[in-house]
Amino acid sequence: MTSNISRYDQKLEHILRTAAQIFAEKSYHSTSMRDIARATGVSLAGLYHYCKSKEELLFLIQDHCFGRVRERLEERIKGVEDPFEKLHIFIDNHLSFFAANMAEMKVLSHEAESLAGDLHQHVATKKEKYAKLARKILREIQEQQAVATRVDLTVATYALFGMMNWIYNWYDPSGKLKVSQLVDQITRLFVSGFVGGPSRNLIPNARNSGKQSVNVWTSKSIN
């Protein structure tokens, strides 16, 4: 029984990964289920066995992504008290996760409004909870700092996501800039502006920073 479930999950992962790559290249609306069937090597009838519709494929990609990245974050910040260390972990978790899943990152950025109804609401709720975690960390940093003029937390939260989510346009995970270096530099750039002064030494040896290749579909990291 377990092996059958495992084979099913592996096939579904293959379909979703392939669908994400095609959506990233062609866009969701320009892709057909036939395109995905051809690319996966699964018959059209077989494809509908795993997913009822193209919209369900998009939903599963988005749902997996936000679920996994938030789950990993909560595991990594458990017991961490320093808000600057939490922020560094947050940025490292987000960037290392999506650097390993660039097609999915592009799909999340470009197809955020392509879902409708309950599927859209389900994903939107997960996104909101994730954004609230970032906002909470930034509030903790502000409360710790004696800053005369504070940056609005909503502006700061979405500016942070803007910096991180834009990397799919220019960052090459196989290039000379390592993920750990990208994390460190984006952290320093953001903190310097957010706290209004020179960035402090932000835990250069933060736990597990940039050392793992993260699989969006499973709870295990690939070393």
N, C-alpha and C. Protein backbone atom coordinates (compact mmCIF):
# COMPACT_ATOMS: atom_id res chain seq x y z
N MET A 1 0.84 -1.20 0.00
CA MET A 1 0.00 0.00 0.00
C MET A 1 0.87 1.25 0.00
N THR A 2 1.90 1.25 0.87
CA THR A 2 2.79 2.41 0.98
C THR A 2 3.50 2.70 -0.33
N SER A 3 3.95 1.63 -1.01
CA SER A 3 4.68 1.81 -2.27
C SER A 3 3.78 2.41 -3.34
N ASN A 4 2.48 2.01 -3.34
CA ASN A 4 1.53 2.56 -4.30
C ASN A 4 1.33 4.05 -4.08
N ILE A 5 1.19 4.44 -2.80
CA ILE A 5 1.05 5.85 -2.46
C ILE A 5 2.30 6.61 -2.88
N SER A 6 3.46 6.02 -2.64
CA SER A 6 4.72 6.66 -2.98
C SER A 6 4.82 6.89 -4.49
N ARG A 7 4.46 5.89 -5.26
CA ARG A 7 4.52 6.03 -6.72
C ARG A 7 3.55 7.11 -7.20
N TYR A 8 2.38 7.15 -6.59
CA TYR A 8 1.39 8.17 -6.95
C TYR A 8 1.94 9.57 -6.66
N ASP A 9 2.52 9.74 -5.46
CA ASP A 9 3.07 11.04 -5.08
C ASP A 9 4.23 11.45 -5.99
N GLN A 10 5.06 10.49 -6.35
CA GLN A 10 6.19 10.80 -7.24
C GLN A 10 5.69 11.24 -8.61
N LYS A 11 4.67 10.57 -9.11
CA LYS A 11 4.13 10.95 -10.42
C LYS A 11 3.48 12.33 -10.35
N LEU A 12 2.75 12.59 -9.26
CA LEU A 12 2.12 13.90 -9.11
C LEU A 12 3.18 15.00 -9.00
N GLU A 13 4.24 14.73 -8.26
CA GLU A 13 5.34 15.71 -8.16
C GLU A 13 5.92 16.01 -9.54
N HIS A 14 6.12 14.96 -10.33
CA HIS A 14 6.66 15.13 -11.69
C HIS A 14 5.72 16.01 -12.53
N ILE A 15 4.44 15.75 -12.42
CA ILE A 15 3.45 16.53 -13.19
C ILE A 15 3.46 17.99 -12.75
N LEU A 16 3.48 18.23 -11.43
CA LEU A 16 3.44 19.60 -10.93
C LEU A 16 4.72 20.37 -11.25
N ARG A 17 5.85 19.71 -11.13
CA ARG A 17 7.12 20.37 -11.48
C ARG A 17 7.13 20.75 -12.96
N THR A 18 6.70 19.83 -13.79
CA THR A 18 6.68 20.08 -15.23
C THR A 18 5.69 21.19 -15.57
N ALA A 19 4.53 21.14 -14.93
CA ALA A 19 3.52 22.18 -15.16
C ALA A 19 4.06 23.54 -14.76
N ALA A 20 4.77 23.61 -13.64
CA ALA A 20 5.35 24.89 -13.19
C ALA A 20 6.34 25.42 -14.21
N GLN A 21 7.16 24.55 -14.76
CA GLN A 21 8.14 24.98 -15.77
C GLN A 21 7.45 25.52 -17.03
N ILE A 22 6.39 24.85 -17.45
CA ILE A 22 5.67 25.30 -18.65
C ILE A 22 4.93 26.60 -18.38
N PHE A 23 4.28 26.70 -17.20
CA PHE A 23 3.59 27.95 -16.85
C PHE A 23 4.59 29.10 -16.80
N ALA A 24 5.79 28.83 -16.28
CA ALA A 24 6.82 29.88 -16.19
C ALA A 24 7.29 30.32 -17.58
N GLU A 25 7.37 29.37 -18.50
CA GLU A 25 7.86 29.69 -19.85
C GLU A 25 6.78 30.30 -20.74
N LYS A 26 5.57 29.74 -20.68
CA LYS A 26 4.51 30.14 -21.63
C LYS A 26 3.41 31.00 -21.01
N SER A 27 3.31 31.00 -19.70
CA SER A 27 2.23 31.58 -18.91
C SER A 27 1.11 30.57 -18.74
N TYR A 28 0.40 30.71 -17.66
CA TYR A 28 -0.69 29.79 -17.32
C TYR A 28 -1.77 29.78 -18.40
N HIS A 29 -2.18 30.96 -18.83
CA HIS A 29 -3.31 31.05 -19.76
C HIS A 29 -2.95 30.55 -21.16
N SER A 30 -1.67 30.55 -21.51
CA SER A 30 -1.24 30.08 -22.83
C SER A 30 -0.93 28.59 -22.85
N THR A 31 -1.06 27.94 -21.71
CA THR A 31 -0.74 26.51 -21.60
C THR A 31 -2.02 25.69 -21.57
N SER A 32 -2.01 24.58 -22.27
CA SER A 32 -3.17 23.66 -22.26
C SER A 32 -2.81 22.39 -21.50
N MET A 33 -3.80 21.66 -21.10
CA MET A 33 -3.57 20.36 -20.46
C MET A 33 -2.86 19.42 -21.43
N ARG A 34 -3.13 19.57 -22.71
CA ARG A 34 -2.45 18.74 -23.71
C ARG A 34 -0.95 19.04 -23.72
N ASP A 35 -0.58 20.32 -23.56
CA ASP A 35 0.84 20.70 -23.48
C ASP A 35 1.51 19.99 -22.32
N ILE A 36 0.82 19.98 -21.19
CA ILE A 36 1.38 19.37 -19.98
C ILE A 36 1.46 17.86 -20.14
N ALA A 37 0.44 17.25 -20.73
CA ALA A 37 0.45 15.80 -20.96
C ALA A 37 1.63 15.43 -21.86
N ARG A 38 1.84 16.21 -22.92
CA ARG A 38 2.94 15.93 -23.84
C ARG A 38 4.29 16.05 -23.15
N ALA A 39 4.46 17.09 -22.32
CA ALA A 39 5.75 17.33 -21.66
C ALA A 39 6.03 16.30 -20.56
N THR A 40 5.00 15.81 -19.91
CA THR A 40 5.20 14.85 -18.82
C THR A 40 5.28 13.41 -19.31
N GLY A 41 4.79 13.17 -20.53
CA GLY A 41 4.73 11.81 -21.02
C GLY A 41 3.56 11.04 -20.45
N VAL A 42 2.62 11.75 -19.83
CA VAL A 42 1.42 11.13 -19.28
C VAL A 42 0.28 11.38 -20.25
N SER A 43 -0.53 10.37 -20.49
CA SER A 43 -1.66 10.54 -21.41
C SER A 43 -2.61 11.59 -20.85
N LEU A 44 -3.41 12.19 -21.71
CA LEU A 44 -4.36 13.20 -21.27
C LEU A 44 -5.34 12.60 -20.25
N ALA A 45 -5.79 11.38 -20.52
CA ALA A 45 -6.69 10.70 -19.57
C ALA A 45 -5.98 10.45 -18.24
N GLY A 46 -4.71 10.06 -18.33
CA GLY A 46 -3.93 9.82 -17.12
C GLY A 46 -3.72 11.10 -16.33
N LEU A 47 -3.52 12.21 -17.04
CA LEU A 47 -3.31 13.50 -16.39
C LEU A 47 -4.55 13.90 -15.57
N TYR A 48 -5.72 13.67 -16.15
CA TYR A 48 -6.96 14.00 -15.44
C TYR A 48 -7.20 13.08 -14.25
N HIS A 49 -6.50 11.95 -14.22
CA HIS A 49 -6.58 11.07 -13.05
C HIS A 49 -5.91 11.74 -11.84
N TYR A 50 -4.88 12.53 -12.09
CA TYR A 50 -4.13 13.19 -11.02
C TYR A 50 -4.70 14.58 -10.68
N CYS A 51 -5.19 15.28 -11.68
CA CYS A 51 -5.73 16.63 -11.48
C CYS A 51 -6.96 16.82 -12.34
N LYS A 52 -8.00 17.38 -11.76
CA LYS A 52 -9.27 17.53 -12.48
C LYS A 52 -9.22 18.61 -13.55
N SER A 53 -8.28 19.57 -13.38
CA SER A 53 -8.25 20.71 -14.30
C SER A 53 -6.89 21.39 -14.26
N LYS A 54 -6.66 22.26 -15.22
CA LYS A 54 -5.44 23.07 -15.23
C LYS A 54 -5.42 23.99 -14.02
N GLU A 55 -6.58 24.49 -13.62
CA GLU A 55 -6.64 25.38 -12.45
C GLU A 55 -6.22 24.63 -11.19
N GLU A 56 -6.60 23.36 -11.09
CA GLU A 56 -6.19 22.59 -9.92
C GLU A 56 -4.67 22.39 -9.90
N LEU A 57 -4.07 22.22 -11.07
CA LEU A 57 -2.60 22.14 -11.14
C LEU A 57 -1.97 23.41 -10.59
N LEU A 58 -2.46 24.56 -11.03
CA LEU A 58 -1.93 25.84 -10.55
C LEU A 58 -2.15 25.99 -9.05
N PHE A 59 -3.30 25.59 -8.59
CA PHE A 59 -3.60 25.66 -7.16
C PHE A 59 -2.62 24.81 -6.35
N LEU A 60 -2.38 23.58 -6.79
CA LEU A 60 -1.48 22.69 -6.05
C LEU A 60 -0.06 23.23 -6.02
N ILE A 61 0.39 23.83 -7.11
CA ILE A 61 1.73 24.44 -7.14
C ILE A 61 1.82 25.55 -6.09
N GLN A 62 0.84 26.45 -6.10
CA GLN A 62 0.86 27.58 -5.16
C GLN A 62 0.68 27.11 -3.72
N ASP A 63 -0.22 26.18 -3.53
CA ASP A 63 -0.50 25.69 -2.18
C ASP A 63 0.72 24.99 -1.58
N HIS A 64 1.38 24.15 -2.38
CA HIS A 64 2.59 23.47 -1.91
C HIS A 64 3.67 24.50 -1.54
N CYS A 65 3.86 25.48 -2.39
CA CYS A 65 4.93 26.45 -2.17
C CYS A 65 4.74 27.21 -0.86
N PHE A 66 3.58 27.82 -0.69
CA PHE A 66 3.37 28.63 0.51
C PHE A 66 3.32 27.76 1.76
N GLY A 67 2.79 26.56 1.64
CA GLY A 67 2.77 25.66 2.78
C GLY A 67 4.17 25.24 3.20
N ARG A 68 4.99 24.84 2.24
CA ARG A 68 6.33 24.36 2.56
C ARG A 68 7.25 25.47 3.07
N VAL A 69 7.22 26.64 2.44
CA VAL A 69 8.15 27.70 2.85
C VAL A 69 7.80 28.20 4.25
N ARG A 70 6.53 28.26 4.57
CA ARG A 70 6.13 28.70 5.91
C ARG A 70 6.43 27.63 6.96
N GLU A 71 6.20 26.38 6.60
CA GLU A 71 6.49 25.27 7.52
C GLU A 71 7.97 25.24 7.88
N ARG A 72 8.83 25.40 6.88
CA ARG A 72 10.29 25.42 7.13
C ARG A 72 10.68 26.60 7.99
N LEU A 73 10.07 27.76 7.73
CA LEU A 73 10.40 28.95 8.50
C LEU A 73 10.05 28.76 9.97
N GLU A 74 8.87 28.25 10.24
CA GLU A 74 8.44 28.07 11.62
C GLU A 74 9.35 27.09 12.36
N GLU A 75 9.82 26.07 11.66
CA GLU A 75 10.76 25.12 12.26
C GLU A 75 12.08 25.81 12.61
N ARG A 76 12.56 26.68 11.71
CA ARG A 76 13.88 27.27 11.87
C ARG A 76 13.92 28.41 12.89
N ILE A 77 12.82 29.13 13.09
CA ILE A 77 12.86 30.24 14.05
C ILE A 77 12.37 29.84 15.44
N LYS A 78 11.97 28.58 15.57
CA LYS A 78 11.51 28.11 16.87
C LYS A 78 12.63 28.26 17.90
N GLY A 79 12.37 28.98 18.97
CA GLY A 79 13.35 29.16 20.03
C GLY A 79 14.31 30.31 19.80
N VAL A 80 14.24 30.98 18.65
CA VAL A 80 15.12 32.11 18.37
C VAL A 80 14.49 33.37 18.95
N GLU A 81 15.25 34.12 19.74
CA GLU A 81 14.73 35.31 20.42
C GLU A 81 15.11 36.61 19.69
N ASP A 82 16.31 36.68 19.17
CA ASP A 82 16.80 37.92 18.54
C ASP A 82 16.05 38.19 17.24
N PRO A 83 15.33 39.32 17.14
CA PRO A 83 14.56 39.59 15.91
C PRO A 83 15.43 39.77 14.67
N PHE A 84 16.69 40.24 14.84
CA PHE A 84 17.57 40.36 13.68
C PHE A 84 17.97 38.99 13.15
N GLU A 85 18.17 38.05 14.07
CA GLU A 85 18.48 36.69 13.63
C GLU A 85 17.26 36.07 12.96
N LYS A 86 16.08 36.35 13.51
CA LYS A 86 14.85 35.85 12.89
C LYS A 86 14.71 36.37 11.46
N LEU A 87 15.01 37.66 11.28
CA LEU A 87 14.90 38.25 9.94
C LEU A 87 15.89 37.60 8.98
N HIS A 88 17.11 37.39 9.46
CA HIS A 88 18.11 36.74 8.61
C HIS A 88 17.66 35.34 8.21
N ILE A 89 17.09 34.61 9.17
CA ILE A 89 16.58 33.27 8.88
C ILE A 89 15.42 33.35 7.90
N PHE A 90 14.54 34.33 8.09
CA PHE A 90 13.40 34.51 7.19
C PHE A 90 13.87 34.71 5.76
N ILE A 91 14.83 35.61 5.57
CA ILE A 91 15.33 35.90 4.22
C ILE A 91 16.06 34.69 3.65
N ASP A 92 16.87 34.04 4.48
CA ASP A 92 17.60 32.85 4.02
C ASP A 92 16.63 31.74 3.63
N ASN A 93 15.61 31.54 4.44
CA ASN A 93 14.62 30.49 4.18
C ASN A 93 13.90 30.75 2.86
N HIS A 94 13.49 31.99 2.65
CA HIS A 94 12.75 32.35 1.44
C HIS A 94 13.62 32.21 0.20
N LEU A 95 14.83 32.78 0.26
CA LEU A 95 15.68 32.80 -0.93
C LEU A 95 16.25 31.43 -1.25
N SER A 96 16.66 30.68 -0.26
CA SER A 96 17.22 29.35 -0.53
C SER A 96 16.13 28.43 -1.08
N PHE A 97 14.91 28.59 -0.57
CA PHE A 97 13.78 27.79 -1.04
C PHE A 97 13.47 28.08 -2.50
N PHE A 98 13.34 29.35 -2.84
CA PHE A 98 12.93 29.69 -4.20
C PHE A 98 14.09 29.67 -5.19
N ALA A 99 15.33 29.81 -4.72
CA ALA A 99 16.46 29.64 -5.62
C ALA A 99 16.53 28.21 -6.12
N ALA A 100 16.01 27.28 -5.29
CA ALA A 100 15.96 25.87 -5.69
C ALA A 100 14.71 25.56 -6.50
N ASN A 101 13.80 26.51 -6.58
CA ASN A 101 12.51 26.30 -7.27
C ASN A 101 12.13 27.57 -8.03
N MET A 102 12.99 27.96 -8.99
CA MET A 102 12.82 29.25 -9.67
C MET A 102 11.56 29.29 -10.54
N ALA A 103 11.23 28.19 -11.18
CA ALA A 103 10.02 28.17 -12.01
C ALA A 103 8.79 28.41 -11.16
N GLU A 104 8.75 27.75 -10.00
CA GLU A 104 7.61 27.93 -9.10
C GLU A 104 7.54 29.38 -8.61
N MET A 105 8.71 29.98 -8.35
CA MET A 105 8.71 31.37 -7.89
C MET A 105 8.13 32.30 -8.95
N LYS A 106 8.49 32.08 -10.20
CA LYS A 106 7.96 32.91 -11.28
C LYS A 106 6.45 32.72 -11.41
N VAL A 107 6.00 31.48 -11.28
CA VAL A 107 4.56 31.21 -11.37
C VAL A 107 3.82 31.91 -10.24
N LEU A 108 4.35 31.85 -9.02
CA LEU A 108 3.70 32.51 -7.90
C LEU A 108 3.62 34.02 -8.11
N SER A 109 4.67 34.59 -8.71
CA SER A 109 4.70 36.04 -8.93
C SER A 109 3.77 36.46 -10.06
N HIS A 110 3.75 35.68 -11.16
CA HIS A 110 2.99 36.07 -12.35
C HIS A 110 1.54 35.62 -12.33
N GLU A 111 1.27 34.52 -11.63
CA GLU A 111 -0.07 33.94 -11.71
C GLU A 111 -0.82 34.06 -10.39
N ALA A 112 -0.49 35.07 -9.60
CA ALA A 112 -1.11 35.24 -8.28
C ALA A 112 -2.62 35.40 -8.36
N GLU A 113 -3.10 36.03 -9.45
CA GLU A 113 -4.53 36.29 -9.57
C GLU A 113 -5.23 35.37 -10.56
N SER A 114 -4.57 34.32 -10.99
CA SER A 114 -5.17 33.43 -12.00
C SER A 114 -6.15 32.43 -11.40
N LEU A 115 -6.07 32.22 -10.09
CA LEU A 115 -7.04 31.35 -9.42
C LEU A 115 -8.28 32.16 -9.07
N ALA A 116 -9.40 31.47 -8.92
CA ALA A 116 -10.65 32.15 -8.58
C ALA A 116 -11.37 31.40 -7.46
N GLY A 117 -12.34 32.06 -6.85
CA GLY A 117 -13.21 31.42 -5.88
C GLY A 117 -12.49 30.87 -4.67
N ASP A 118 -12.91 29.67 -4.23
CA ASP A 118 -12.36 29.07 -3.02
C ASP A 118 -10.88 28.75 -3.15
N LEU A 119 -10.44 28.37 -4.34
CA LEU A 119 -9.02 28.05 -4.53
C LEU A 119 -8.17 29.30 -4.31
N HIS A 120 -8.62 30.41 -4.87
CA HIS A 120 -7.91 31.67 -4.68
C HIS A 120 -7.89 32.07 -3.21
N GLN A 121 -9.03 31.93 -2.54
CA GLN A 121 -9.12 32.33 -1.14
C GLN A 121 -8.22 31.47 -0.26
N HIS A 122 -8.15 30.18 -0.56
CA HIS A 122 -7.30 29.27 0.22
C HIS A 122 -5.84 29.69 0.13
N VAL A 123 -5.36 29.95 -1.08
CA VAL A 123 -3.97 30.36 -1.27
C VAL A 123 -3.75 31.75 -0.67
N ALA A 124 -4.70 32.66 -0.86
CA ALA A 124 -4.56 34.02 -0.34
C ALA A 124 -4.43 34.01 1.19
N THR A 125 -5.15 33.11 1.84
CA THR A 125 -5.06 33.00 3.30
C THR A 125 -3.67 32.55 3.73
N LYS A 126 -3.09 31.59 3.00
CA LYS A 126 -1.74 31.14 3.32
C LYS A 126 -0.72 32.25 3.09
N LYS A 127 -0.87 33.00 2.00
CA LYS A 127 0.02 34.12 1.71
C LYS A 127 -0.07 35.19 2.81
N GLU A 128 -1.28 35.46 3.26
CA GLU A 128 -1.47 36.48 4.28
C GLU A 128 -0.81 36.07 5.59
N LYS A 129 -0.93 34.80 5.97
CA LYS A 129 -0.30 34.32 7.20
C LYS A 129 1.22 34.41 7.10
N TYR A 130 1.74 34.13 5.93
CA TYR A 130 3.19 34.21 5.71
C TYR A 130 3.66 35.66 5.80
N ALA A 131 2.92 36.57 5.19
CA ALA A 131 3.27 38.00 5.25
C ALA A 131 3.18 38.52 6.68
N LYS A 132 2.22 38.01 7.45
CA LYS A 132 2.08 38.45 8.84
C LYS A 132 3.28 38.02 9.68
N LEU A 133 3.86 36.87 9.36
CA LEU A 133 5.08 36.44 10.07
C LEU A 133 6.21 37.42 9.82
N ALA A 134 6.36 37.85 8.56
CA ALA A 134 7.40 38.83 8.24
C ALA A 134 7.14 40.14 8.97
N ARG A 135 5.90 40.60 8.94
CA ARG A 135 5.54 41.86 9.60
C ARG A 135 5.81 41.80 11.10
N LYS A 136 5.52 40.67 11.72
CA LYS A 136 5.75 40.48 13.16
C LYS A 136 7.24 40.61 13.48
N ILE A 137 8.07 40.00 12.64
CA ILE A 137 9.52 40.09 12.86
C ILE A 137 9.99 41.54 12.73
N LEU A 138 9.49 42.23 11.73
CA LEU A 138 9.89 43.63 11.52
C LEU A 138 9.41 44.51 12.68
N ARG A 139 8.24 44.24 13.20
CA ARG A 139 7.75 45.00 14.36
C ARG A 139 8.66 44.78 15.56
N GLU A 140 9.11 43.54 15.76
CA GLU A 140 10.02 43.24 16.88
C GLU A 140 11.33 44.01 16.74
N ILE A 141 11.81 44.14 15.51
CA ILE A 141 13.05 44.91 15.28
C ILE A 141 12.81 46.38 15.61
N GLN A 142 11.68 46.94 15.18
CA GLN A 142 11.39 48.34 15.48
C GLN A 142 11.28 48.57 16.98
N GLU A 143 10.66 47.65 17.67
CA GLU A 143 10.50 47.81 19.12
C GLU A 143 11.84 47.75 19.85
N GLN A 144 12.79 47.06 19.26
CA GLN A 144 14.12 46.94 19.87
C GLN A 144 14.99 48.15 19.59
N GLN A 145 14.69 48.89 18.50
CA GLN A 145 15.52 50.01 18.06
C GLN A 145 14.92 51.35 18.51
N ALA A 146 15.78 52.24 18.96
CA ALA A 146 15.35 53.60 19.32
C ALA A 146 15.50 54.48 18.09
N VAL A 147 14.51 54.40 17.19
CA VAL A 147 14.56 55.15 15.94
C VAL A 147 13.49 56.23 15.96
N ALA A 148 13.90 57.48 15.67
CA ALA A 148 12.97 58.61 15.73
C ALA A 148 11.86 58.48 14.70
N THR A 149 12.23 58.18 13.45
CA THR A 149 11.25 58.06 12.37
C THR A 149 11.22 56.61 11.90
N ARG A 150 10.08 55.97 12.07
CA ARG A 150 9.97 54.56 11.73
C ARG A 150 9.32 54.38 10.36
N VAL A 151 9.82 53.38 9.63
CA VAL A 151 9.22 53.03 8.35
C VAL A 151 7.90 52.31 8.61
N ASP A 152 6.88 52.66 7.84
CA ASP A 152 5.59 51.99 7.96
C ASP A 152 5.76 50.49 7.74
N LEU A 153 5.17 49.69 8.62
CA LEU A 153 5.39 48.24 8.59
C LEU A 153 4.81 47.59 7.33
N THR A 154 3.71 48.11 6.82
CA THR A 154 3.15 47.56 5.59
C THR A 154 4.08 47.81 4.42
N VAL A 155 4.59 49.05 4.34
CA VAL A 155 5.56 49.38 3.28
C VAL A 155 6.80 48.50 3.41
N ALA A 156 7.31 48.37 4.62
CA ALA A 156 8.52 47.59 4.84
C ALA A 156 8.33 46.13 4.48
N THR A 157 7.18 45.56 4.87
CA THR A 157 6.92 44.14 4.61
C THR A 157 6.89 43.85 3.12
N TYR A 158 6.14 44.66 2.37
CA TYR A 158 6.02 44.38 0.95
C TYR A 158 7.27 44.81 0.17
N ALA A 159 8.02 45.77 0.69
CA ALA A 159 9.30 46.11 0.08
C ALA A 159 10.28 44.93 0.22
N LEU A 160 10.25 44.28 1.37
CA LEU A 160 11.11 43.11 1.59
C LEU A 160 10.75 42.00 0.61
N PHE A 161 9.46 41.71 0.47
CA PHE A 161 9.05 40.67 -0.47
C PHE A 161 9.39 41.07 -1.91
N GLY A 162 9.28 42.35 -2.22
CA GLY A 162 9.64 42.81 -3.55
C GLY A 162 11.10 42.54 -3.87
N MET A 163 11.98 42.82 -2.90
CA MET A 163 13.41 42.55 -3.09
C MET A 163 13.66 41.06 -3.31
N MET A 164 13.02 40.23 -2.50
CA MET A 164 13.28 38.80 -2.56
C MET A 164 12.65 38.14 -3.79
N ASN A 165 11.43 38.52 -4.10
CA ASN A 165 10.71 37.84 -5.18
C ASN A 165 11.18 38.24 -6.57
N TRP A 166 11.90 39.34 -6.67
CA TRP A 166 12.36 39.81 -7.98
C TRP A 166 13.54 39.00 -8.49
N ILE A 167 14.16 38.17 -7.64
CA ILE A 167 15.40 37.50 -8.04
C ILE A 167 15.21 36.56 -9.23
N TYR A 168 13.99 36.08 -9.47
CA TYR A 168 13.81 35.15 -10.58
C TYR A 168 14.13 35.81 -11.92
N ASN A 169 14.12 37.15 -11.96
CA ASN A 169 14.42 37.87 -13.19
C ASN A 169 15.91 37.94 -13.51
N TRP A 170 16.75 37.79 -12.50
CA TRP A 170 18.17 38.01 -12.76
C TRP A 170 19.11 37.01 -12.09
N TYR A 171 18.66 36.32 -11.04
CA TYR A 171 19.59 35.48 -10.29
C TYR A 171 19.74 34.11 -10.94
N ASP A 172 21.00 33.67 -11.06
CA ASP A 172 21.31 32.35 -11.60
C ASP A 172 21.86 31.49 -10.46
N PRO A 173 21.09 30.52 -9.95
CA PRO A 173 21.54 29.69 -8.83
C PRO A 173 22.84 28.94 -9.12
N SER A 174 23.15 28.72 -10.41
CA SER A 174 24.38 28.00 -10.76
C SER A 174 25.53 28.98 -11.05
N GLY A 175 25.30 30.27 -10.89
CA GLY A 175 26.32 31.27 -11.17
C GLY A 175 27.30 31.44 -10.02
N LYS A 176 28.13 32.48 -10.12
CA LYS A 176 29.21 32.67 -9.14
C LYS A 176 28.71 33.19 -7.80
N LEU A 177 27.53 33.83 -7.76
CA LEU A 177 26.98 34.34 -6.51
C LEU A 177 26.21 33.24 -5.80
N LYS A 178 26.73 32.79 -4.67
CA LYS A 178 26.09 31.72 -3.91
C LYS A 178 24.84 32.25 -3.21
N VAL A 179 23.93 31.34 -2.90
CA VAL A 179 22.71 31.74 -2.22
C VAL A 179 23.03 32.41 -0.89
N SER A 180 24.00 31.87 -0.16
CA SER A 180 24.35 32.45 1.14
C SER A 180 24.83 33.89 0.99
N GLN A 181 25.56 34.19 -0.10
CA GLN A 181 26.02 35.56 -0.35
C GLN A 181 24.84 36.46 -0.72
N LEU A 182 23.93 35.94 -1.52
CA LEU A 182 22.73 36.68 -1.90
C LEU A 182 21.92 37.02 -0.65
N VAL A 183 21.74 36.06 0.23
CA VAL A 183 21.00 36.26 1.48
C VAL A 183 21.65 37.36 2.30
N ASP A 184 22.97 37.29 2.47
CA ASP A 184 23.69 38.26 3.29
C ASP A 184 23.55 39.67 2.72
N GLN A 185 23.69 39.81 1.41
CA GLN A 185 23.67 41.14 0.81
C GLN A 185 22.27 41.75 0.81
N ILE A 186 21.25 40.94 0.52
CA ILE A 186 19.88 41.46 0.57
C ILE A 186 19.50 41.82 2.01
N THR A 187 19.92 41.01 2.97
CA THR A 187 19.65 41.30 4.38
C THR A 187 20.27 42.64 4.77
N ARG A 188 21.52 42.85 4.39
CA ARG A 188 22.20 44.09 4.75
C ARG A 188 21.56 45.30 4.07
N LEU A 189 21.23 45.16 2.80
CA LEU A 189 20.58 46.26 2.08
C LEU A 189 19.25 46.63 2.74
N PHE A 190 18.46 45.61 3.06
CA PHE A 190 17.15 45.88 3.63
C PHE A 190 17.26 46.49 5.03
N VAL A 191 18.08 45.91 5.88
CA VAL A 191 18.18 46.37 7.26
C VAL A 191 18.73 47.79 7.33
N SER A 192 19.70 48.10 6.47
CA SER A 192 20.26 49.46 6.47
C SER A 192 19.17 50.50 6.23
N GLY A 193 18.25 50.21 5.32
CA GLY A 193 17.16 51.14 5.05
C GLY A 193 16.07 51.10 6.11
N PHE A 194 15.79 49.90 6.63
CA PHE A 194 14.67 49.74 7.56
C PHE A 194 14.95 50.38 8.91
N VAL A 195 16.16 50.18 9.44
CA VAL A 195 16.47 50.75 10.75
C VAL A 195 17.08 52.15 10.64
N GLY A 196 17.38 52.59 9.39
CA GLY A 196 17.84 53.95 9.19
C GLY A 196 19.28 54.20 9.57
N GLY A 197 20.11 53.18 9.51
CA GLY A 197 21.51 53.35 9.84
C GLY A 197 22.32 52.19 9.31
N PRO A 198 23.61 52.13 9.65
CA PRO A 198 24.45 51.02 9.18
C PRO A 198 23.89 49.69 9.66
N SER A 199 23.93 48.70 8.80
CA SER A 199 23.43 47.39 9.20
C SER A 199 24.37 46.76 10.21
N ARG A 200 23.81 46.14 11.22
CA ARG A 200 24.63 45.47 12.23
C ARG A 200 25.14 44.15 11.67
N ASN A 201 26.04 43.53 12.41
CA ASN A 201 26.56 42.23 11.98
C ASN A 201 25.45 41.20 12.13
N LEU A 202 24.92 40.73 11.00
CA LEU A 202 23.71 39.91 11.02
C LEU A 202 23.98 38.42 10.93
N ILE A 203 24.59 37.89 11.96
CA ILE A 203 24.77 36.45 12.08
C ILE A 203 25.28 35.83 10.78
N PRO A 204 26.54 36.11 10.40
CA PRO A 204 27.05 35.57 9.15
C PRO A 204 27.05 34.04 9.12
N ASN A 205 27.07 33.43 10.30
CA ASN A 205 27.04 31.97 10.36
C ASN A 205 25.67 31.47 10.82
N ALA A 206 24.62 32.12 10.33
CA ALA A 206 23.26 31.74 10.74
C ALA A 206 23.00 30.27 10.44
N ARG A 207 22.16 29.68 11.24
CA ARG A 207 21.90 28.24 11.18
C ARG A 207 21.49 27.78 9.79
N ASN A 208 22.24 26.84 9.25
CA ASN A 208 21.93 26.21 7.96
C ASN A 208 21.86 27.20 6.81
N SER A 209 22.50 28.34 6.94
CA SER A 209 22.37 29.38 5.92
C SER A 209 22.94 28.94 4.59
N GLY A 210 22.07 28.87 3.56
CA GLY A 210 22.49 28.62 2.19
C GLY A 210 23.17 27.30 1.94
N LYS A 211 23.02 26.32 2.83
CA LYS A 211 23.74 25.06 2.68
C LYS A 211 22.89 23.93 2.13
N GLN A 212 21.60 24.20 1.92
CA GLN A 212 20.71 23.13 1.50
C GLN A 212 19.98 23.50 0.23
N SER A 213 19.77 22.49 -0.60
CA SER A 213 18.92 22.66 -1.77
C SER A 213 17.54 22.14 -1.39
N VAL A 214 16.55 23.01 -1.47
CA VAL A 214 15.25 22.69 -0.90
C VAL A 214 14.29 22.20 -1.97
N ASN A 215 13.66 21.07 -1.71
CA ASN A 215 12.66 20.52 -2.61
C ASN A 215 11.29 21.08 -2.22
N VAL A 216 10.66 21.76 -3.14
CA VAL A 216 9.36 22.38 -2.85
C VAL A 216 8.29 21.34 -2.53
N TRP A 217 8.47 20.11 -2.98
CA TRP A 217 7.39 19.13 -2.88
C TRP A 217 7.51 18.23 -1.65
N THR A 218 8.66 18.17 -1.00
CA THR A 218 8.81 17.29 0.15
C THR A 218 9.32 18.07 1.33
N SER A 219 9.25 17.46 2.50
CA SER A 219 9.70 18.11 3.73
C SER A 219 11.20 17.91 3.95
N LYS A 220 11.85 17.18 3.05
CA LYS A 220 13.28 16.90 3.22
C LYS A 220 14.11 17.85 2.37
N SER A 221 15.26 18.23 2.91
CA SER A 221 16.20 19.05 2.15
C SER A 221 17.21 18.15 1.47
N ILE A 222 17.70 18.62 0.31
CA ILE A 222 18.65 17.84 -0.47
C ILE A 222 20.04 18.44 -0.25
N ASN A 223 20.94 17.70 0.38
CA ASN A 223 22.28 18.22 0.65
C ASN A 223 23.18 18.15 -0.56
